[in-house]
Amino acid sequence: MFGLDKLLKSKTDYRSIMKNGAVLIDVRTAAEFAEGHIPGSKNICLDQINGRIKEIQQFNKPVITCCRSGARSAVANRFLKRAGIESFNGGAWNKLQKQLL
């Protein structure tokens, strides 16, 4: 049943979220980010997210997280939501980039 439920859920419209001013945070390491990233995204490594919550809150905008596969961005997304930040897990950066085109 879980697989069917997942398929029936509507997909998040990341393009609309970005058009409404969201901030894109890539939580990969600086080296991974340097190898390729979505233009305009901010690189805040997963291990720095908790220490930069106040900075991210000051954006006063929704946040979309991304990484290489979606695992680290999911963890970052949970941290941000717990801090009261409207956050969405965009998953793998290269797949998200295609969705934003």
PDB file of N, CA and C in Angstrom:
ATOM      1  N   MET A   1       0.810  -1.193   0.000  1.00  0.00           N
ATOM      2  CA  MET A   1       0.000   0.000   0.000  1.00  0.00           C
ATOM      3  C   MET A   1       0.851   1.255   0.000  1.00  0.00           C
ATOM      4  N   PHE A   2       1.997   1.226   0.694  1.00  0.00           N
ATOM      5  CA  PHE A   2       2.845   2.417   0.778  1.00  0.00           C
ATOM      6  C   PHE A   2       3.240   2.911  -0.603  1.00  0.00           C
ATOM      7  N   GLY A   3       3.622   2.024  -1.495  1.00  0.00           N
ATOM      8  CA  GLY A   3       4.026   2.431  -2.837  1.00  0.00           C
ATOM      9  C   GLY A   3       2.896   3.118  -3.586  1.00  0.00           C
ATOM     10  N   LEU A   4       1.692   2.583  -3.474  1.00  0.00           N
ATOM     11  CA  LEU A   4       0.534   3.175  -4.140  1.00  0.00           C
ATOM     12  C   LEU A   4       0.223   4.554  -3.561  1.00  0.00           C
ATOM     13  N   ASP A   5       0.277   4.670  -2.227  1.00  0.00           N
ATOM     14  CA  ASP A   5       0.031   5.959  -1.583  1.00  0.00           C
ATOM     15  C   ASP A   5       1.030   6.999  -2.072  1.00  0.00           C
ATOM     16  N   LYS A   6       2.277   6.582  -2.183  1.00  0.00           N
ATOM     17  CA  LYS A   6       3.326   7.501  -2.626  1.00  0.00           C
ATOM     18  C   LYS A   6       3.062   7.966  -4.054  1.00  0.00           C
ATOM     19  N   LEU A   7       2.628   7.058  -4.920  1.00  0.00           N
ATOM     20  CA  LEU A   7       2.340   7.412  -6.310  1.00  0.00           C
ATOM     21  C   LEU A   7       1.151   8.360  -6.429  1.00  0.00           C
ATOM     22  N   LEU A   8       0.187   8.217  -5.530  1.00  0.00           N
ATOM     23  CA  LEU A   8      -1.017   9.037  -5.602  1.00  0.00           C
ATOM     24  C   LEU A   8      -0.820  10.452  -5.071  1.00  0.00           C
ATOM     25  N   LYS A   9       0.236  10.665  -4.285  1.00  0.00           N
ATOM     26  CA  LYS A   9       0.484  12.000  -3.751  1.00  0.00           C
ATOM     27  C   LYS A   9       0.858  12.936  -4.894  1.00  0.00           C
ATOM     28  N   SER A  10       0.393  14.172  -4.805  1.00  0.00           N
ATOM     29  CA  SER A  10       0.737  15.132  -5.842  1.00  0.00           C
ATOM     30  C   SER A  10       2.194  15.550  -5.683  1.00  0.00           C
ATOM     31  N   LYS A  11       2.837  15.818  -6.795  1.00  0.00           N
ATOM     32  CA  LYS A  11       4.226  16.242  -6.770  1.00  0.00           C
ATOM     33  C   LYS A  11       4.321  17.699  -6.371  1.00  0.00           C
ATOM     34  N   THR A  12       5.376  18.023  -5.676  1.00  0.00           N
ATOM     35  CA  THR A  12       5.620  19.406  -5.278  1.00  0.00           C
ATOM     36  C   THR A  12       6.031  20.201  -6.512  1.00  0.00           C
ATOM     37  N   ASP A  13       5.452  21.376  -6.672  1.00  0.00           N
ATOM     38  CA  ASP A  13       5.759  22.248  -7.806  1.00  0.00           C
ATOM     39  C   ASP A  13       6.908  23.181  -7.412  1.00  0.00           C
ATOM     40  N   TYR A  14       8.127  22.676  -7.552  1.00  0.00           N
ATOM     41  CA  TYR A  14       9.306  23.435  -7.147  1.00  0.00           C
ATOM     42  C   TYR A  14       9.477  24.708  -7.975  1.00  0.00           C
ATOM     43  N   ARG A  15       9.094  24.666  -9.219  1.00  0.00           N
ATOM     44  CA  ARG A  15       9.208  25.850 -10.075  1.00  0.00           C
ATOM     45  C   ARG A  15       8.377  27.002  -9.496  1.00  0.00           C
ATOM     46  N   SER A  16       7.148  26.718  -9.092  1.00  0.00           N
ATOM     47  CA  SER A  16       6.290  27.754  -8.503  1.00  0.00           C
ATOM     48  C   SER A  16       6.847  28.250  -7.174  1.00  0.00           C
ATOM     49  N   ILE A  17       7.368  27.333  -6.383  1.00  0.00           N
ATOM     50  CA  ILE A  17       7.947  27.720  -5.098  1.00  0.00           C
ATOM     51  C   ILE A  17       9.128  28.666  -5.325  1.00  0.00           C
ATOM     52  N   MET A  18       9.955  28.367  -6.313  1.00  0.00           N
ATOM     53  CA  MET A  18      11.096  29.232  -6.631  1.00  0.00           C
ATOM     54  C   MET A  18      10.623  30.584  -7.162  1.00  0.00           C
ATOM     55  N   LYS A  19       9.604  30.581  -8.008  1.00  0.00           N
ATOM     56  CA  LYS A  19       9.079  31.840  -8.545  1.00  0.00           C
ATOM     57  C   LYS A  19       8.529  32.731  -7.448  1.00  0.00           C
ATOM     58  N   ASN A  20       8.099  32.120  -6.351  1.00  0.00           N
ATOM     59  CA  ASN A  20       7.566  32.878  -5.219  1.00  0.00           C
ATOM     60  C   ASN A  20       8.653  33.272  -4.220  1.00  0.00           C
ATOM     61  N   GLY A  21       9.922  33.162  -4.635  1.00  0.00           N
ATOM     62  CA  GLY A  21      11.021  33.684  -3.834  1.00  0.00           C
ATOM     63  C   GLY A  21      11.755  32.720  -2.937  1.00  0.00           C
ATOM     64  N   ALA A  22      11.555  31.434  -3.089  1.00  0.00           N
ATOM     65  CA  ALA A  22      12.245  30.456  -2.236  1.00  0.00           C
ATOM     66  C   ALA A  22      13.761  30.543  -2.408  1.00  0.00           C
ATOM     67  N   VAL A  23      14.455  30.136  -1.358  1.00  0.00           N
ATOM     68  CA  VAL A  23      15.909  30.057  -1.369  1.00  0.00           C
ATOM     69  C   VAL A  23      16.273  28.587  -1.548  1.00  0.00           C
ATOM     70  N   LEU A  24      17.182  28.319  -2.469  1.00  0.00           N
ATOM     71  CA  LEU A  24      17.633  26.957  -2.741  1.00  0.00           C
ATOM     72  C   LEU A  24      18.940  26.717  -1.996  1.00  0.00           C
ATOM     73  N   ILE A  25      18.940  25.730  -1.107  1.00  0.00           N
ATOM     74  CA  ILE A  25      20.142  25.403  -0.328  1.00  0.00           C
ATOM     75  C   ILE A  25      20.621  24.012  -0.709  1.00  0.00           C
ATOM     76  N   ASP A  26      21.847  23.961  -1.219  1.00  0.00           N
ATOM     77  CA  ASP A  26      22.507  22.707  -1.579  1.00  0.00           C
ATOM     78  C   ASP A  26      23.338  22.293  -0.371  1.00  0.00           C
ATOM     79  N   VAL A  27      23.031  21.135   0.213  1.00  0.00           N
ATOM     80  CA  VAL A  27      23.670  20.725   1.457  1.00  0.00           C
ATOM     81  C   VAL A  27      24.864  19.788   1.254  1.00  0.00           C
ATOM     82  N   ARG A  28      25.344  19.695   0.029  1.00  0.00           N
ATOM     83  CA  ARG A  28      26.538  18.876  -0.226  1.00  0.00           C
ATOM     84  C   ARG A  28      27.787  19.607   0.277  1.00  0.00           C
ATOM     85  N   THR A  29      28.902  18.910   0.252  1.00  0.00           N
ATOM     86  CA  THR A  29      30.169  19.527   0.651  1.00  0.00           C
ATOM     87  C   THR A  29      30.560  20.586  -0.378  1.00  0.00           C
ATOM     88  N   ALA A  30      31.470  21.465   0.020  1.00  0.00           N
ATOM     89  CA  ALA A  30      31.941  22.518  -0.884  1.00  0.00           C
ATOM     90  C   ALA A  30      32.574  21.910  -2.136  1.00  0.00           C
ATOM     91  N   ALA A  31      33.290  20.814  -1.982  1.00  0.00           N
ATOM     92  CA  ALA A  31      33.928  20.158  -3.135  1.00  0.00           C
ATOM     93  C   ALA A  31      32.875  19.619  -4.104  1.00  0.00           C
ATOM     94  N   GLU A  32      31.829  18.989  -3.577  1.00  0.00           N
ATOM     95  CA  GLU A  32      30.754  18.480  -4.430  1.00  0.00           C
ATOM     96  C   GLU A  32      30.039  19.631  -5.136  1.00  0.00           C
ATOM     97  N   PHE A  33      29.788  20.699  -4.397  1.00  0.00           N
ATOM     98  CA  PHE A  33      29.107  21.868  -4.942  1.00  0.00           C
ATOM     99  C   PHE A  33      29.925  22.469  -6.092  1.00  0.00           C
ATOM    100  N   ALA A  34      31.242  22.511  -5.918  1.00  0.00           N
ATOM    101  CA  ALA A  34      32.140  23.073  -6.939  1.00  0.00           C
ATOM    102  C   ALA A  34      32.117  22.258  -8.234  1.00  0.00           C
ATOM    103  N   GLU A  35      31.798  20.973  -8.139  1.00  0.00           N
ATOM    104  CA  GLU A  35      31.748  20.113  -9.325  1.00  0.00           C
ATOM    105  C   GLU A  35      30.518  20.369 -10.179  1.00  0.00           C
ATOM    106  N   GLY A  36      29.511  21.034  -9.622  1.00  0.00           N
ATOM    107  CA  GLY A  36      28.286  21.342 -10.350  1.00  0.00           C
ATOM    108  C   GLY A  36      27.169  21.613  -9.381  1.00  0.00           C
ATOM    109  N   HIS A  37      26.338  22.607  -9.709  1.00  0.00           N
ATOM    110  CA  HIS A  37      25.225  22.981  -8.847  1.00  0.00           C
ATOM    111  C   HIS A  37      24.221  23.804  -9.646  1.00  0.00           C
ATOM    112  N   ILE A  38      23.065  24.030  -9.059  1.00  0.00           N
ATOM    113  CA  ILE A  38      22.040  24.850  -9.689  1.00  0.00           C
ATOM    114  C   ILE A  38      22.430  26.310  -9.508  1.00  0.00           C
ATOM    115  N   PRO A  39      22.495  27.068 -10.604  1.00  0.00           N
ATOM    116  CA  PRO A  39      22.853  28.480 -10.482  1.00  0.00           C
ATOM    117  C   PRO A  39      21.942  29.208  -9.486  1.00  0.00           C
ATOM    118  N   GLY A  40      22.553  30.017  -8.639  1.00  0.00           N
ATOM    119  CA  GLY A  40      21.801  30.771  -7.646  1.00  0.00           C
ATOM    120  C   GLY A  40      21.608  30.050  -6.326  1.00  0.00           C
ATOM    121  N   SER A  41      21.956  28.765  -6.275  1.00  0.00           N
ATOM    122  CA  SER A  41      21.795  28.027  -5.019  1.00  0.00           C
ATOM    123  C   SER A  41      22.892  28.414  -4.033  1.00  0.00           C
ATOM    124  N   LYS A  42      22.577  28.287  -2.755  1.00  0.00           N
ATOM    125  CA  LYS A  42      23.530  28.564  -1.691  1.00  0.00           C
ATOM    126  C   LYS A  42      24.064  27.233  -1.184  1.00  0.00           C
ATOM    127  N   ASN A  43      25.357  27.181  -0.938  1.00  0.00           N
ATOM    128  CA  ASN A  43      25.967  25.962  -0.426  1.00  0.00           C
ATOM    129  C   ASN A  43      26.135  26.066   1.085  1.00  0.00           C
ATOM    130  N   ILE A  44      25.304  25.322   1.805  1.00  0.00           N
ATOM    131  CA  ILE A  44      25.433  25.205   3.258  1.00  0.00           C
ATOM    132  C   ILE A  44      25.470  23.707   3.548  1.00  0.00           C
ATOM    133  N   CYS A  45      26.651  23.203   3.849  1.00  0.00           N
ATOM    134  CA  CYS A  45      26.821  21.765   4.082  1.00  0.00           C
ATOM    135  C   CYS A  45      25.904  21.288   5.196  1.00  0.00           C
ATOM    136  N   LEU A  46      25.463  20.058   5.082  1.00  0.00           N
ATOM    137  CA  LEU A  46      24.560  19.479   6.069  1.00  0.00           C
ATOM    138  C   LEU A  46      25.099  19.640   7.484  1.00  0.00           C
ATOM    139  N   ASP A  47      26.394  19.430   7.676  1.00  0.00           N
ATOM    140  CA  ASP A  47      26.936  19.520   9.035  1.00  0.00           C
ATOM    141  C   ASP A  47      26.976  20.953   9.572  1.00  0.00           C
ATOM    142  N   GLN A  48      26.642  21.936   8.745  1.00  0.00           N
ATOM    143  CA  GLN A  48      26.595  23.337   9.187  1.00  0.00           C
ATOM    144  C   GLN A  48      25.160  23.848   9.366  1.00  0.00           C
ATOM    145  N   ILE A  49      24.181  23.093   8.906  1.00  0.00           N
ATOM    146  CA  ILE A  49      22.792  23.556   8.913  1.00  0.00           C
ATOM    147  C   ILE A  49      22.336  23.988  10.313  1.00  0.00           C
ATOM    148  N   ASN A  50      22.519  23.144  11.311  1.00  0.00           N
ATOM    149  CA  ASN A  50      22.046  23.473  12.664  1.00  0.00           C
ATOM    150  C   ASN A  50      22.682  24.751  13.198  1.00  0.00           C
ATOM    151  N   GLY A  51      23.942  24.973  12.894  1.00  0.00           N
ATOM    152  CA  GLY A  51      24.629  26.162  13.363  1.00  0.00           C
ATOM    153  C   GLY A  51      24.256  27.429  12.604  1.00  0.00           C
ATOM    154  N   ARG A  52      23.538  27.271  11.495  1.00  0.00           N
ATOM    155  CA  ARG A  52      23.181  28.432  10.680  1.00  0.00           C
ATOM    156  C   ARG A  52      21.670  28.657  10.581  1.00  0.00           C
ATOM    157  N   ILE A  53      20.932  28.030  11.490  1.00  0.00           N
ATOM    158  CA  ILE A  53      19.468  28.158  11.492  1.00  0.00           C
ATOM    159  C   ILE A  53      19.039  29.620  11.566  1.00  0.00           C
ATOM    160  N   LYS A  54      19.637  30.394  12.458  1.00  0.00           N
ATOM    161  CA  LYS A  54      19.247  31.807  12.605  1.00  0.00           C
ATOM    162  C   LYS A  54      19.463  32.568  11.301  1.00  0.00           C
ATOM    163  N   GLU A  55      20.566  32.307  10.631  1.00  0.00           N
ATOM    164  CA  GLU A  55      20.850  32.940   9.340  1.00  0.00           C
ATOM    165  C   GLU A  55      19.781  32.567   8.311  1.00  0.00           C
ATOM    166  N   ILE A  56      19.413  31.299   8.278  1.00  0.00           N
ATOM    167  CA  ILE A  56      18.409  30.819   7.321  1.00  0.00           C
ATOM    168  C   ILE A  56      17.037  31.390   7.666  1.00  0.00           C
ATOM    169  N   GLN A  57      16.728  31.505   8.946  1.00  0.00           N
ATOM    170  CA  GLN A  57      15.459  32.115   9.351  1.00  0.00           C
ATOM    171  C   GLN A  57      15.369  33.560   8.882  1.00  0.00           C
ATOM    172  N   GLN A  58      16.500  34.247   8.837  1.00  0.00           N
ATOM    173  CA  GLN A  58      16.516  35.648   8.413  1.00  0.00           C
ATOM    174  C   GLN A  58      16.234  35.822   6.920  1.00  0.00           C
ATOM    175  N   PHE A  59      16.335  34.761   6.144  1.00  0.00           N
ATOM    176  CA  PHE A  59      15.940  34.851   4.728  1.00  0.00           C
ATOM    177  C   PHE A  59      14.455  35.213   4.656  1.00  0.00           C
ATOM    178  N   ASN A  60      13.698  34.750   5.662  1.00  0.00           N
ATOM    179  CA  ASN A  60      12.260  34.981   5.734  1.00  0.00           C
ATOM    180  C   ASN A  60      11.552  34.526   4.447  1.00  0.00           C
ATOM    181  N   LYS A  61      12.016  33.401   3.926  1.00  0.00           N
ATOM    182  CA  LYS A  61      11.475  32.835   2.691  1.00  0.00           C
ATOM    183  C   LYS A  61      11.444  31.315   2.831  1.00  0.00           C
ATOM    184  N   PRO A  62      10.615  30.662   2.039  1.00  0.00           N
ATOM    185  CA  PRO A  62      10.660  29.188   2.021  1.00  0.00           C
ATOM    186  C   PRO A  62      12.025  28.722   1.524  1.00  0.00           C
ATOM    187  N   VAL A  63      12.380  27.517   1.887  1.00  0.00           N
ATOM    188  CA  VAL A  63      13.664  26.938   1.510  1.00  0.00           C
ATOM    189  C   VAL A  63      13.425  25.616   0.789  1.00  0.00           C
ATOM    190  N   ILE A  64      14.206  25.372  -0.252  1.00  0.00           N
ATOM    191  CA  ILE A  64      14.229  24.066  -0.910  1.00  0.00           C
ATOM    192  C   ILE A  64      15.641  23.525  -0.719  1.00  0.00           C
ATOM    193  N   THR A  65      15.750  22.325  -0.154  1.00  0.00           N
ATOM    194  CA  THR A  65      17.055  21.700   0.040  1.00  0.00           C
ATOM    195  C   THR A  65      17.312  20.691  -1.067  1.00  0.00           C
ATOM    196  N   CYS A  66      18.586  20.525  -1.410  1.00  0.00           N
ATOM    197  CA  CYS A  66      18.967  19.500  -2.385  1.00  0.00           C
ATOM    198  C   CYS A  66      20.361  18.987  -2.042  1.00  0.00           C
ATOM    199  N   CYS A  67      20.706  17.849  -2.616  1.00  0.00           N
ATOM    200  CA  CYS A  67      22.027  17.252  -2.409  1.00  0.00           C
ATOM    201  C   CYS A  67      22.312  16.326  -3.595  1.00  0.00           C
ATOM    202  N   ARG A  68      23.123  15.305  -3.394  1.00  0.00           N
ATOM    203  CA  ARG A  68      23.450  14.390  -4.488  1.00  0.00           C
ATOM    204  C   ARG A  68      22.322  13.407  -4.766  1.00  0.00           C
ATOM    205  N   SER A  69      21.767  12.816  -3.702  1.00  0.00           N
ATOM    206  CA  SER A  69      20.761  11.767  -3.907  1.00  0.00           C
ATOM    207  C   SER A  69      19.397  12.077  -3.298  1.00  0.00           C
ATOM    208  N   GLY A  70      19.355  13.010  -2.363  1.00  0.00           N
ATOM    209  CA  GLY A  70      18.115  13.327  -1.662  1.00  0.00           C
ATOM    210  C   GLY A  70      18.139  12.924  -0.203  1.00  0.00           C
ATOM    211  N   ALA A  71      19.130  12.152   0.216  1.00  0.00           N
ATOM    212  CA  ALA A  71      19.194  11.697   1.610  1.00  0.00           C
ATOM    213  C   ALA A  71      19.598  12.832   2.550  1.00  0.00           C
ATOM    214  N   ARG A  72      20.682  13.512   2.233  1.00  0.00           N
ATOM    215  CA  ARG A  72      21.135  14.617   3.096  1.00  0.00           C
ATOM    216  C   ARG A  72      20.149  15.772   3.080  1.00  0.00           C
ATOM    217  N   SER A  73      19.554  16.030   1.915  1.00  0.00           N
ATOM    218  CA  SER A  73      18.582  17.129   1.843  1.00  0.00           C
ATOM    219  C   SER A  73      17.336  16.807   2.669  1.00  0.00           C
ATOM    220  N   ALA A  74      16.994  15.526   2.789  1.00  0.00           N
ATOM    221  CA  ALA A  74      15.859  15.129   3.625  1.00  0.00           C
ATOM    222  C   ALA A  74      16.158  15.403   5.093  1.00  0.00           C
ATOM    223  N   VAL A  75      17.380  15.114   5.520  1.00  0.00           N
ATOM    224  CA  VAL A  75      17.787  15.378   6.903  1.00  0.00           C
ATOM    225  C   VAL A  75      17.763  16.885   7.157  1.00  0.00           C
ATOM    226  N   ALA A  76      18.340  17.662   6.244  1.00  0.00           N
ATOM    227  CA  ALA A  76      18.352  19.121   6.385  1.00  0.00           C
ATOM    228  C   ALA A  76      16.927  19.660   6.427  1.00  0.00           C
ATOM    229  N   ASN A  77      16.068  19.136   5.586  1.00  0.00           N
ATOM    230  CA  ASN A  77      14.670  19.549   5.539  1.00  0.00           C
ATOM    231  C   ASN A  77      14.001  19.355   6.902  1.00  0.00           C
ATOM    232  N   ARG A  78      14.252  18.217   7.538  1.00  0.00           N
ATOM    233  CA  ARG A  78      13.681  17.952   8.868  1.00  0.00           C
ATOM    234  C   ARG A  78      14.199  18.954   9.901  1.00  0.00           C
ATOM    235  N   PHE A  79      15.522  19.246   9.880  1.00  0.00           N
ATOM    236  CA  PHE A  79      16.098  20.224  10.806  1.00  0.00           C
ATOM    237  C   PHE A  79      15.427  21.585  10.622  1.00  0.00           C
ATOM    238  N   LEU A  80      15.265  22.006   9.370  1.00  0.00           N
ATOM    239  CA  LEU A  80      14.696  23.323   9.080  1.00  0.00           C
ATOM    240  C   LEU A  80      13.229  23.398   9.521  1.00  0.00           C
ATOM    241  N   LYS A  81      12.480  22.347   9.237  1.00  0.00           N
ATOM    242  CA  LYS A  81      11.068  22.331   9.645  1.00  0.00           C
ATOM    243  C   LYS A  81      10.933  22.397  11.157  1.00  0.00           C
ATOM    244  N   ARG A  82      11.792  21.673  11.874  1.00  0.00           N
ATOM    245  CA  ARG A  82      11.757  21.712  13.342  1.00  0.00           C
ATOM    246  C   ARG A  82      12.039  23.120  13.864  1.00  0.00           C
ATOM    247  N   ALA A  83      12.805  23.889  13.090  1.00  0.00           N
ATOM    248  CA  ALA A  83      13.149  25.262  13.487  1.00  0.00           C
ATOM    249  C   ALA A  83      12.069  26.253  13.037  1.00  0.00           C
ATOM    250  N   GLY A  84      10.976  25.742  12.467  1.00  0.00           N
ATOM    251  CA  GLY A  84       9.877  26.606  12.055  1.00  0.00           C
ATOM    252  C   GLY A  84      10.036  27.233  10.683  1.00  0.00           C
ATOM    253  N   ILE A  85      10.966  26.728   9.905  1.00  0.00           N
ATOM    254  CA  ILE A  85      11.205  27.245   8.559  1.00  0.00           C
ATOM    255  C   ILE A  85      10.384  26.438   7.566  1.00  0.00           C
ATOM    256  N   GLU A  86       9.687  27.121   6.668  1.00  0.00           N
ATOM    257  CA  GLU A  86       8.954  26.425   5.610  1.00  0.00           C
ATOM    258  C   GLU A  86       9.989  25.829   4.665  1.00  0.00           C
ATOM    259  N   SER A  87      10.054  24.523   4.603  1.00  0.00           N
ATOM    260  CA  SER A  87      11.117  23.847   3.868  1.00  0.00           C
ATOM    261  C   SER A  87      10.577  22.679   3.054  1.00  0.00           C
ATOM    262  N   PHE A  88      11.214  22.455   1.910  1.00  0.00           N
ATOM    263  CA  PHE A  88      10.848  21.369   1.001  1.00  0.00           C
ATOM    264  C   PHE A  88      12.106  20.610   0.615  1.00  0.00           C
ATOM    265  N   ASN A  89      12.019  19.290   0.564  1.00  0.00           N
ATOM    266  CA  ASN A  89      13.146  18.474   0.125  1.00  0.00           C
ATOM    267  C   ASN A  89      13.081  18.338  -1.389  1.00  0.00           C
ATOM    268  N   GLY A  90      14.000  18.993  -2.076  1.00  0.00           N
ATOM    269  CA  GLY A  90      14.054  18.926  -3.533  1.00  0.00           C
ATOM    270  C   GLY A  90      14.759  17.689  -4.054  1.00  0.00           C
ATOM    271  N   GLY A  91      15.423  16.943  -3.175  1.00  0.00           N
ATOM    272  CA  GLY A  91      16.106  15.717  -3.585  1.00  0.00           C
ATOM    273  C   GLY A  91      17.418  15.964  -4.299  1.00  0.00           C
ATOM    274  N   ALA A  92      17.689  15.142  -5.285  1.00  0.00           N
ATOM    275  CA  ALA A  92      18.947  15.228  -6.034  1.00  0.00           C
ATOM    276  C   ALA A  92      19.008  16.529  -6.834  1.00  0.00           C
ATOM    277  N   TRP A  93      20.132  17.228  -6.726  1.00  0.00           N
ATOM    278  CA  TRP A  93      20.238  18.552  -7.343  1.00  0.00           C
ATOM    279  C   TRP A  93      20.066  18.503  -8.859  1.00  0.00           C
ATOM    280  N   ASN A  94      20.625  17.480  -9.508  1.00  0.00           N
ATOM    281  CA  ASN A  94      20.542  17.435 -10.971  1.00  0.00           C
ATOM    282  C   ASN A  94      19.115  17.141 -11.458  1.00  0.00           C
ATOM    283  N   LYS A  95      18.369  16.366 -10.698  1.00  0.00           N
ATOM    284  CA  LYS A  95      16.960  16.121 -11.056  1.00  0.00           C
ATOM    285  C   LYS A  95      16.118  17.355 -10.773  1.00  0.00           C
ATOM    286  N   LEU A  96      16.414  18.020  -9.672  1.00  0.00           N
ATOM    287  CA  LEU A  96      15.701  19.252  -9.336  1.00  0.00           C
ATOM    288  C   LEU A  96      15.953  20.316 -10.394  1.00  0.00           C
ATOM    289  N   GLN A  97      17.179  20.402 -10.851  1.00  0.00           N
ATOM    290  CA  GLN A  97      17.520  21.389 -11.881  1.00  0.00           C
ATOM    291  C   GLN A  97      16.671  21.188 -13.129  1.00  0.00           C
ATOM    292  N   LYS A  98      16.456  19.952 -13.523  1.00  0.00           N
ATOM    293  CA  LYS A  98      15.613  19.664 -14.701  1.00  0.00           C
ATOM    294  C   LYS A  98      14.172  20.087 -14.454  1.00  0.00           C
ATOM    295  N   GLN A  99      13.687  19.910 -13.225  1.00  0.00           N
ATOM    296  CA  GLN A  99      12.315  20.299 -12.890  1.00  0.00           C
ATOM    297  C   GLN A  99      12.141  21.819 -12.907  1.00  0.00           C
ATOM    298  N   LEU A 100      13.223  22.530 -12.609  1.00  0.00           N
ATOM    299  CA  LEU A 100      13.142  23.985 -12.547  1.00  0.00           C
ATOM    300  C   LEU A 100      13.253  24.659 -13.913  1.00  0.00           C
ATOM    301  N   LEU A 101      13.670  23.908 -14.919  1.00  0.00           N
ATOM    302  CA  LEU A 101      13.808  24.493 -16.271  1.00  0.00           C
ATOM    303  C   LEU A 101      12.478  24.806 -16.885  1.00  0.00           C
TER     304      LEU A 101
END
